[in-house]
């Protein structure tokens, strides 16, 4: 989860110790040191000491070469699944969220795909359009809430035309919040962050 201090979100880590690399890659620290010393893992030594440091880019390259999943490295980012069948809205949300730098974003265009993506990607927050081509937001909420392994996933429903009683039903079915379209991206980003850190 994104780490915070009194000044807000902390930036993603750019340089790692061999111990941190060992934790991220699920290797022993001795293995990491051997990889560093043999040149398979690039980095530098701290001047005047024996300490080794590995920049983020070099770590990503090493992880890709050895088929180590990058998800451990992305632990600092809030994982967001955008579910909407309007490509323009999806593109706008993905671009704005990724530009913010605090979010890792995946997308789905149908309720069925949303279910699959939720189970494989395990987002922190789902931004879910109410009206989808196959099923509505209520069905997606109920499906996610019926899976105990997804209890920590927050759901924000977004829609332009929903009656008040429908909003109340969505909240009953497991949505955490409802935001009316059109909305400001700042409002949405703030709400995503609030839900993750409550």
C-alpha atoms as a PDB file:
ATOM      1  CA  UNK A   1       0.000   0.000   0.000  1.00  0.00           C
ATOM      2  CA  UNK A   2       1.155   3.581  -0.614  1.00  0.00           C
ATOM      3  CA  UNK A   3       3.126   4.874   2.363  1.00  0.00           C
ATOM      4  CA  UNK A   4       2.217   8.235   3.874  1.00  0.00           C
ATOM      5  CA  UNK A   5       3.842  10.614   6.278  1.00  0.00           C
ATOM      6  CA  UNK A   6       2.675  13.992   7.608  1.00  0.00           C
ATOM      7  CA  UNK A   7       3.444  15.634   4.238  1.00  0.00           C
ATOM      8  CA  UNK A   8       1.351  13.215   2.155  1.00  0.00           C
ATOM      9  CA  UNK A   9       2.294  10.308  -0.127  1.00  0.00           C
ATOM     10  CA  UNK A  10       5.934   9.274  -0.150  1.00  0.00           C
ATOM     11  CA  UNK A  11       7.608   8.955  -3.561  1.00  0.00           C
ATOM     12  CA  UNK A  12       8.301   5.502  -4.957  1.00  0.00           C
ATOM     13  CA  UNK A  13      11.684   4.143  -3.927  1.00  0.00           C
ATOM     14  CA  UNK A  14      14.334   4.622  -6.631  1.00  0.00           C
ATOM     15  CA  UNK A  15      17.373   2.888  -5.052  1.00  0.00           C
ATOM     16  CA  UNK A  16      17.393  -0.394  -3.129  1.00  0.00           C
ATOM     17  CA  UNK A  17      19.741  -2.215  -0.761  1.00  0.00           C
ATOM     18  CA  UNK A  18      20.627  -5.866  -1.396  1.00  0.00           C
ATOM     19  CA  UNK A  19      18.359  -6.829   1.526  1.00  0.00           C
ATOM     20  CA  UNK A  20      15.410  -4.987  -0.006  1.00  0.00           C
ATOM     21  CA  UNK A  21      16.079  -6.613  -3.394  1.00  0.00           C
ATOM     22  CA  UNK A  22      16.180 -10.019  -1.680  1.00  0.00           C
ATOM     23  CA  UNK A  23      12.733  -9.373  -0.133  1.00  0.00           C
ATOM     24  CA  UNK A  24      11.232  -8.095  -3.388  1.00  0.00           C
ATOM     25  CA  UNK A  25      12.608 -10.976  -5.491  1.00  0.00           C
ATOM     26  CA  UNK A  26      12.104 -13.653  -2.823  1.00  0.00           C
ATOM     27  CA  UNK A  27      15.810 -14.577  -2.915  1.00  0.00           C
ATOM     28  CA  UNK A  28      18.464 -14.827  -0.207  1.00  0.00           C
ATOM     29  CA  UNK A  29      20.612 -11.752   0.321  1.00  0.00           C
ATOM     30  CA  UNK A  30      23.702 -13.870  -0.496  1.00  0.00           C
ATOM     31  CA  UNK A  31      22.189 -14.742  -3.905  1.00  0.00           C
ATOM     32  CA  UNK A  32      21.527 -11.063  -4.604  1.00  0.00           C
ATOM     33  CA  UNK A  33      25.108 -10.168  -3.632  1.00  0.00           C
ATOM     34  CA  UNK A  34      26.474 -12.918  -5.918  1.00  0.00           C
ATOM     35  CA  UNK A  35      24.338 -11.640  -8.802  1.00  0.00           C
ATOM     36  CA  UNK A  36      25.592  -8.105  -8.128  1.00  0.00           C
ATOM     37  CA  UNK A  37      29.247  -9.144  -7.879  1.00  0.00           C
ATOM     38  CA  UNK A  38      29.046 -11.233 -11.070  1.00  0.00           C
ATOM     39  CA  UNK A  39      27.492  -8.344 -13.020  1.00  0.00           C
ATOM     40  CA  UNK A  40      24.089  -9.996 -13.547  1.00  0.00           C
ATOM     41  CA  UNK A  41      22.463  -7.368 -11.312  1.00  0.00           C
ATOM     42  CA  UNK A  42      23.659  -3.842 -12.064  1.00  0.00           C
ATOM     43  CA  UNK A  43      24.226  -1.167  -9.470  1.00  0.00           C
ATOM     44  CA  UNK A  44      26.998   0.627  -7.625  1.00  0.00           C
ATOM     45  CA  UNK A  45      28.911   0.534  -4.370  1.00  0.00           C
ATOM     46  CA  UNK A  46      28.521   3.350  -1.866  1.00  0.00           C
ATOM     47  CA  UNK A  47      31.884   5.227  -1.997  1.00  0.00           C
ATOM     48  CA  UNK A  48      34.177   4.316   0.895  1.00  0.00           C
ATOM     49  CA  UNK A  49      32.065   1.326   1.988  1.00  0.00           C
ATOM     50  CA  UNK A  50      31.196  -2.231   1.003  1.00  0.00           C
ATOM     51  CA  UNK A  51      27.482  -1.413   0.644  1.00  0.00           C
ATOM     52  CA  UNK A  52      25.849  -2.139  -2.701  1.00  0.00           C
ATOM     53  CA  UNK A  53      22.922  -0.158  -4.120  1.00  0.00           C
ATOM     54  CA  UNK A  54      20.618  -1.142  -6.980  1.00  0.00           C
ATOM     55  CA  UNK A  55      18.679   1.522  -8.947  1.00  0.00           C
ATOM     56  CA  UNK A  56      15.014   0.798  -9.752  1.00  0.00           C
ATOM     57  CA  UNK A  57      15.643   0.533 -13.544  1.00  0.00           C
ATOM     58  CA  UNK A  58      18.390  -2.057 -13.022  1.00  0.00           C
ATOM     59  CA  UNK A  59      16.177  -4.024 -10.631  1.00  0.00           C
ATOM     60  CA  UNK A  60      13.280  -4.058 -13.120  1.00  0.00           C
ATOM     61  CA  UNK A  61      15.640  -5.281 -15.869  1.00  0.00           C
ATOM     62  CA  UNK A  62      16.949  -8.044 -13.582  1.00  0.00           C
ATOM     63  CA  UNK A  63      13.430  -9.108 -12.583  1.00  0.00           C
ATOM     64  CA  UNK A  64      12.279  -9.263 -16.201  1.00  0.00           C
ATOM     65  CA  UNK A  65      15.337 -11.260 -17.299  1.00  0.00           C
ATOM     66  CA  UNK A  66      14.688 -13.818 -14.541  1.00  0.00           C
ATOM     67  CA  UNK A  67      10.887 -13.807 -14.944  1.00  0.00           C
ATOM     68  CA  UNK A  68      10.306 -12.509 -11.411  1.00  0.00           C
ATOM     69  CA  UNK A  69       6.824 -10.890 -11.141  1.00  0.00           C
ATOM     70  CA  UNK A  70       7.012  -7.100 -10.899  1.00  0.00           C
ATOM     71  CA  UNK A  71       3.967  -6.863  -8.611  1.00  0.00           C
ATOM     72  CA  UNK A  72       6.173  -6.801  -5.481  1.00  0.00           C
ATOM     73  CA  UNK A  73       7.935  -3.744  -6.859  1.00  0.00           C
ATOM     74  CA  UNK A  74       4.608  -1.991  -7.424  1.00  0.00           C
ATOM     75  CA  UNK A  75       3.572  -2.400  -3.798  1.00  0.00           C
ATOM     76  CA  UNK A  76       3.776   1.355  -3.359  1.00  0.00           C
ATOM     77  CA  UNK A  77       1.066   2.025  -5.929  1.00  0.00           C
ATOM     78  CA  UNK A  78      -2.690   1.992  -5.493  1.00  0.00           C
ATOM     79  CA  UNK A  79      -4.139  -0.632  -7.843  1.00  0.00           C
ATOM     80  CA  UNK A  80      -7.198   0.661  -9.712  1.00  0.00           C
ATOM     81  CA  UNK A  81      -9.494  -1.279 -12.051  1.00  0.00           C
ATOM     82  CA  UNK A  82     -11.488   0.984 -14.401  1.00  0.00           C
ATOM     83  CA  UNK A  83     -14.662  -0.719 -15.665  1.00  0.00           C
ATOM     84  CA  UNK A  84     -16.518   1.139 -18.428  1.00  0.00           C
ATOM     85  CA  UNK A  85     -17.646   0.265 -21.956  1.00  0.00           C
ATOM     86  CA  UNK A  86     -16.956   3.796 -23.268  1.00  0.00           C
ATOM     87  CA  UNK A  87     -13.385   3.716 -24.690  1.00  0.00           C
ATOM     88  CA  UNK A  88     -13.059   7.514 -24.458  1.00  0.00           C
ATOM     89  CA  UNK A  89     -13.839   7.527 -20.730  1.00  0.00           C
ATOM     90  CA  UNK A  90     -11.522   4.569 -20.092  1.00  0.00           C
ATOM     91  CA  UNK A  91      -8.682   6.220 -22.020  1.00  0.00           C
ATOM     92  CA  UNK A  92      -9.143   9.521 -20.161  1.00  0.00           C
ATOM     93  CA  UNK A  93      -9.224   7.874 -16.723  1.00  0.00           C
ATOM     94  CA  UNK A  94      -6.221   5.639 -17.415  1.00  0.00           C
ATOM     95  CA  UNK A  95      -4.173   8.554 -18.743  1.00  0.00           C
ATOM     96  CA  UNK A  96      -5.015  10.851 -15.822  1.00  0.00           C
ATOM     97  CA  UNK A  97      -4.524   8.208 -13.132  1.00  0.00           C
ATOM     98  CA  UNK A  98      -1.204   6.980 -14.557  1.00  0.00           C
ATOM     99  CA  UNK A  99       0.040  10.555 -15.001  1.00  0.00           C
ATOM    100  CA  UNK A 100      -0.635  11.126 -11.280  1.00  0.00           C
ATOM    101  CA  UNK A 101       2.046   8.490 -10.571  1.00  0.00           C
ATOM    102  CA  UNK A 102       0.395   6.928  -7.525  1.00  0.00           C
ATOM    103  CA  UNK A 103      -1.728   4.408  -9.422  1.00  0.00           C
ATOM    104  CA  UNK A 104      -1.317   1.145 -11.288  1.00  0.00           C
ATOM    105  CA  UNK A 105      -4.298   0.843 -13.639  1.00  0.00           C
ATOM    106  CA  UNK A 106      -6.049  -2.044 -15.434  1.00  0.00           C
ATOM    107  CA  UNK A 107      -9.306  -1.882 -17.405  1.00  0.00           C
ATOM    108  CA  UNK A 108     -12.376  -3.947 -18.284  1.00  0.00           C
ATOM    109  CA  UNK A 109     -15.310  -3.186 -20.602  1.00  0.00           C
ATOM    110  CA  UNK A 110     -17.926  -5.666 -19.328  1.00  0.00           C
ATOM    111  CA  UNK A 111     -19.171  -6.955 -15.998  1.00  0.00           C
ATOM    112  CA  UNK A 112     -17.884 -10.430 -16.861  1.00  0.00           C
ATOM    113  CA  UNK A 113     -14.377  -9.099 -17.589  1.00  0.00           C
ATOM    114  CA  UNK A 114     -14.562  -6.997 -14.423  1.00  0.00           C
ATOM    115  CA  UNK A 115     -15.047 -10.180 -12.389  1.00  0.00           C
ATOM    116  CA  UNK A 116     -12.099 -11.916 -14.060  1.00  0.00           C
ATOM    117  CA  UNK A 117      -9.835  -8.878 -13.738  1.00  0.00           C
ATOM    118  CA  UNK A 118     -10.782  -8.350 -10.088  1.00  0.00           C
ATOM    119  CA  UNK A 119      -9.699 -11.880  -9.254  1.00  0.00           C
ATOM    120  CA  UNK A 120      -6.438 -11.779 -11.249  1.00  0.00           C
ATOM    121  CA  UNK A 121      -5.364  -8.156 -10.634  1.00  0.00           C
ATOM    122  CA  UNK A 122      -6.884  -7.787  -7.131  1.00  0.00           C
ATOM    123  CA  UNK A 123      -7.319  -3.999  -7.254  1.00  0.00           C
ATOM    124  CA  UNK A 124      -7.476  -1.782  -4.210  1.00  0.00           C
ATOM    125  CA  UNK A 125     -10.319   0.170  -5.838  1.00  0.00           C
ATOM    126  CA  UNK A 126     -12.723  -0.495  -8.714  1.00  0.00           C
ATOM    127  CA  UNK A 127     -14.133   2.509 -10.585  1.00  0.00           C
ATOM    128  CA  UNK A 128     -17.290   0.875 -11.942  1.00  0.00           C
ATOM    129  CA  UNK A 129     -19.736   2.265 -14.490  1.00  0.00           C
ATOM    130  CA  UNK A 130     -23.300   1.432 -13.482  1.00  0.00           C
ATOM    131  CA  UNK A 131     -24.585   0.525 -16.958  1.00  0.00           C
ATOM    132  CA  UNK A 132     -22.460  -2.128 -18.675  1.00  0.00           C
ATOM    133  CA  UNK A 133     -23.259  -4.027 -21.899  1.00  0.00           C
ATOM    134  CA  UNK A 134     -23.889  -7.354 -20.169  1.00  0.00           C
ATOM    135  CA  UNK A 135     -24.920  -6.687 -16.533  1.00  0.00           C
ATOM    136  CA  UNK A 136     -25.401  -3.689 -14.292  1.00  0.00           C
ATOM    137  CA  UNK A 137     -23.254  -2.491 -11.420  1.00  0.00           C
ATOM    138  CA  UNK A 138     -25.430  -4.197  -8.798  1.00  0.00           C
ATOM    139  CA  UNK A 139     -24.602  -7.644 -10.180  1.00  0.00           C
ATOM    140  CA  UNK A 140     -20.868  -6.852 -10.262  1.00  0.00           C
ATOM    141  CA  UNK A 141     -20.988  -5.602  -6.653  1.00  0.00           C
ATOM    142  CA  UNK A 142     -22.848  -8.706  -5.456  1.00  0.00           C
ATOM    143  CA  UNK A 143     -20.423 -11.010  -7.288  1.00  0.00           C
ATOM    144  CA  UNK A 144     -17.364  -9.331  -5.734  1.00  0.00           C
ATOM    145  CA  UNK A 145     -18.917  -9.187  -2.247  1.00  0.00           C
ATOM    146  CA  UNK A 146     -19.726 -12.912  -2.410  1.00  0.00           C
ATOM    147  CA  UNK A 147     -15.988 -13.698  -2.600  1.00  0.00           C
ATOM    148  CA  UNK A 148     -14.336 -13.475   0.836  1.00  0.00           C
ATOM    149  CA  UNK A 149     -10.879 -13.112  -0.736  1.00  0.00           C
ATOM    150  CA  UNK A 150     -11.991  -9.740  -2.166  1.00  0.00           C
ATOM    151  CA  UNK A 151     -13.255  -8.209   1.092  1.00  0.00           C
ATOM    152  CA  UNK A 152     -10.625  -5.468   0.951  1.00  0.00           C
ATOM    153  CA  UNK A 153     -11.576  -4.282  -2.575  1.00  0.00           C
ATOM    154  CA  UNK A 154     -13.348  -0.904  -2.553  1.00  0.00           C
ATOM    155  CA  UNK A 155     -15.965  -0.125  -5.217  1.00  0.00           C
ATOM    156  CA  UNK A 156     -16.868   3.338  -6.505  1.00  0.00           C
ATOM    157  CA  UNK A 157     -19.892   3.388  -8.832  1.00  0.00           C
ATOM    158  CA  UNK A 158     -19.960   6.172 -11.416  1.00  0.00           C
ATOM    159  CA  UNK A 159     -23.034   6.990 -13.492  1.00  0.00           C
ATOM    160  CA  UNK A 160     -24.852   9.864 -15.111  1.00  0.00           C
ATOM    161  CA  UNK A 161     -28.426   8.665 -14.694  1.00  0.00           C
ATOM    162  CA  UNK A 162     -29.282   6.736 -11.558  1.00  0.00           C
ATOM    163  CA  UNK A 163     -32.322   7.264  -9.344  1.00  0.00           C
ATOM    164  CA  UNK A 164     -31.755   7.844  -5.637  1.00  0.00           C
ATOM    165  CA  UNK A 165     -33.263   4.463  -4.735  1.00  0.00           C
ATOM    166  CA  UNK A 166     -30.887   2.763  -7.189  1.00  0.00           C
ATOM    167  CA  UNK A 167     -27.935   4.422  -5.461  1.00  0.00           C
ATOM    168  CA  UNK A 168     -29.176   3.148  -2.097  1.00  0.00           C
ATOM    169  CA  UNK A 169     -29.547  -0.373  -3.570  1.00  0.00           C
ATOM    170  CA  UNK A 170     -25.985  -0.194  -4.951  1.00  0.00           C
ATOM    171  CA  UNK A 171     -24.657   0.665  -1.502  1.00  0.00           C
ATOM    172  CA  UNK A 172     -26.677  -2.223  -0.049  1.00  0.00           C
ATOM    173  CA  UNK A 173     -25.210  -4.549  -2.703  1.00  0.00           C
ATOM    174  CA  UNK A 174     -21.665  -3.669  -1.681  1.00  0.00           C
ATOM    175  CA  UNK A 175     -20.593  -0.417  -3.367  1.00  0.00           C
ATOM    176  CA  UNK A 176     -18.555   1.842  -1.081  1.00  0.00           C
ATOM    177  CA  UNK A 177     -19.449   5.095  -2.808  1.00  0.00           C
ATOM    178  CA  UNK A 178     -21.337   6.649  -5.707  1.00  0.00           C
ATOM    179  CA  UNK A 179     -20.080   9.540  -7.847  1.00  0.00           C
ATOM    180  CA  UNK A 180     -22.362  11.288 -10.334  1.00  0.00           C
ATOM    181  CA  UNK A 181     -21.136  11.882 -13.899  1.00  0.00           C
ATOM    182  CA  UNK A 182     -19.792  14.301 -14.941  1.00  0.00           C
ATOM    183  CA  UNK A 183     -17.237  14.460 -12.137  1.00  0.00           C
ATOM    184  CA  UNK A 184     -13.895  16.185 -11.680  1.00  0.00           C
ATOM    185  CA  UNK A 185     -10.887  13.892 -11.875  1.00  0.00           C
ATOM    186  CA  UNK A 186      -9.563  15.555  -8.721  1.00  0.00           C
ATOM    187  CA  UNK A 187     -12.750  14.576  -6.868  1.00  0.00           C
ATOM    188  CA  UNK A 188     -12.396  10.975  -8.073  1.00  0.00           C
ATOM    189  CA  UNK A 189      -8.671  10.705  -7.267  1.00  0.00           C
ATOM    190  CA  UNK A 190      -9.236  12.113  -3.788  1.00  0.00           C
ATOM    191  CA  UNK A 191     -12.056   9.655  -3.157  1.00  0.00           C
ATOM    192  CA  UNK A 192      -9.946   6.696  -4.363  1.00  0.00           C
ATOM    193  CA  UNK A 193      -7.138   7.698  -1.985  1.00  0.00           C
ATOM    194  CA  UNK A 194      -9.550   8.225   0.936  1.00  0.00           C
ATOM    195  CA  UNK A 195     -11.163   4.803   0.481  1.00  0.00           C
ATOM    196  CA  UNK A 196      -7.808   3.011   0.316  1.00  0.00           C
ATOM    197  CA  UNK A 197      -6.561   4.659   3.487  1.00  0.00           C
ATOM    198  CA  UNK A 198      -9.685   4.288   5.642  1.00  0.00           C
END
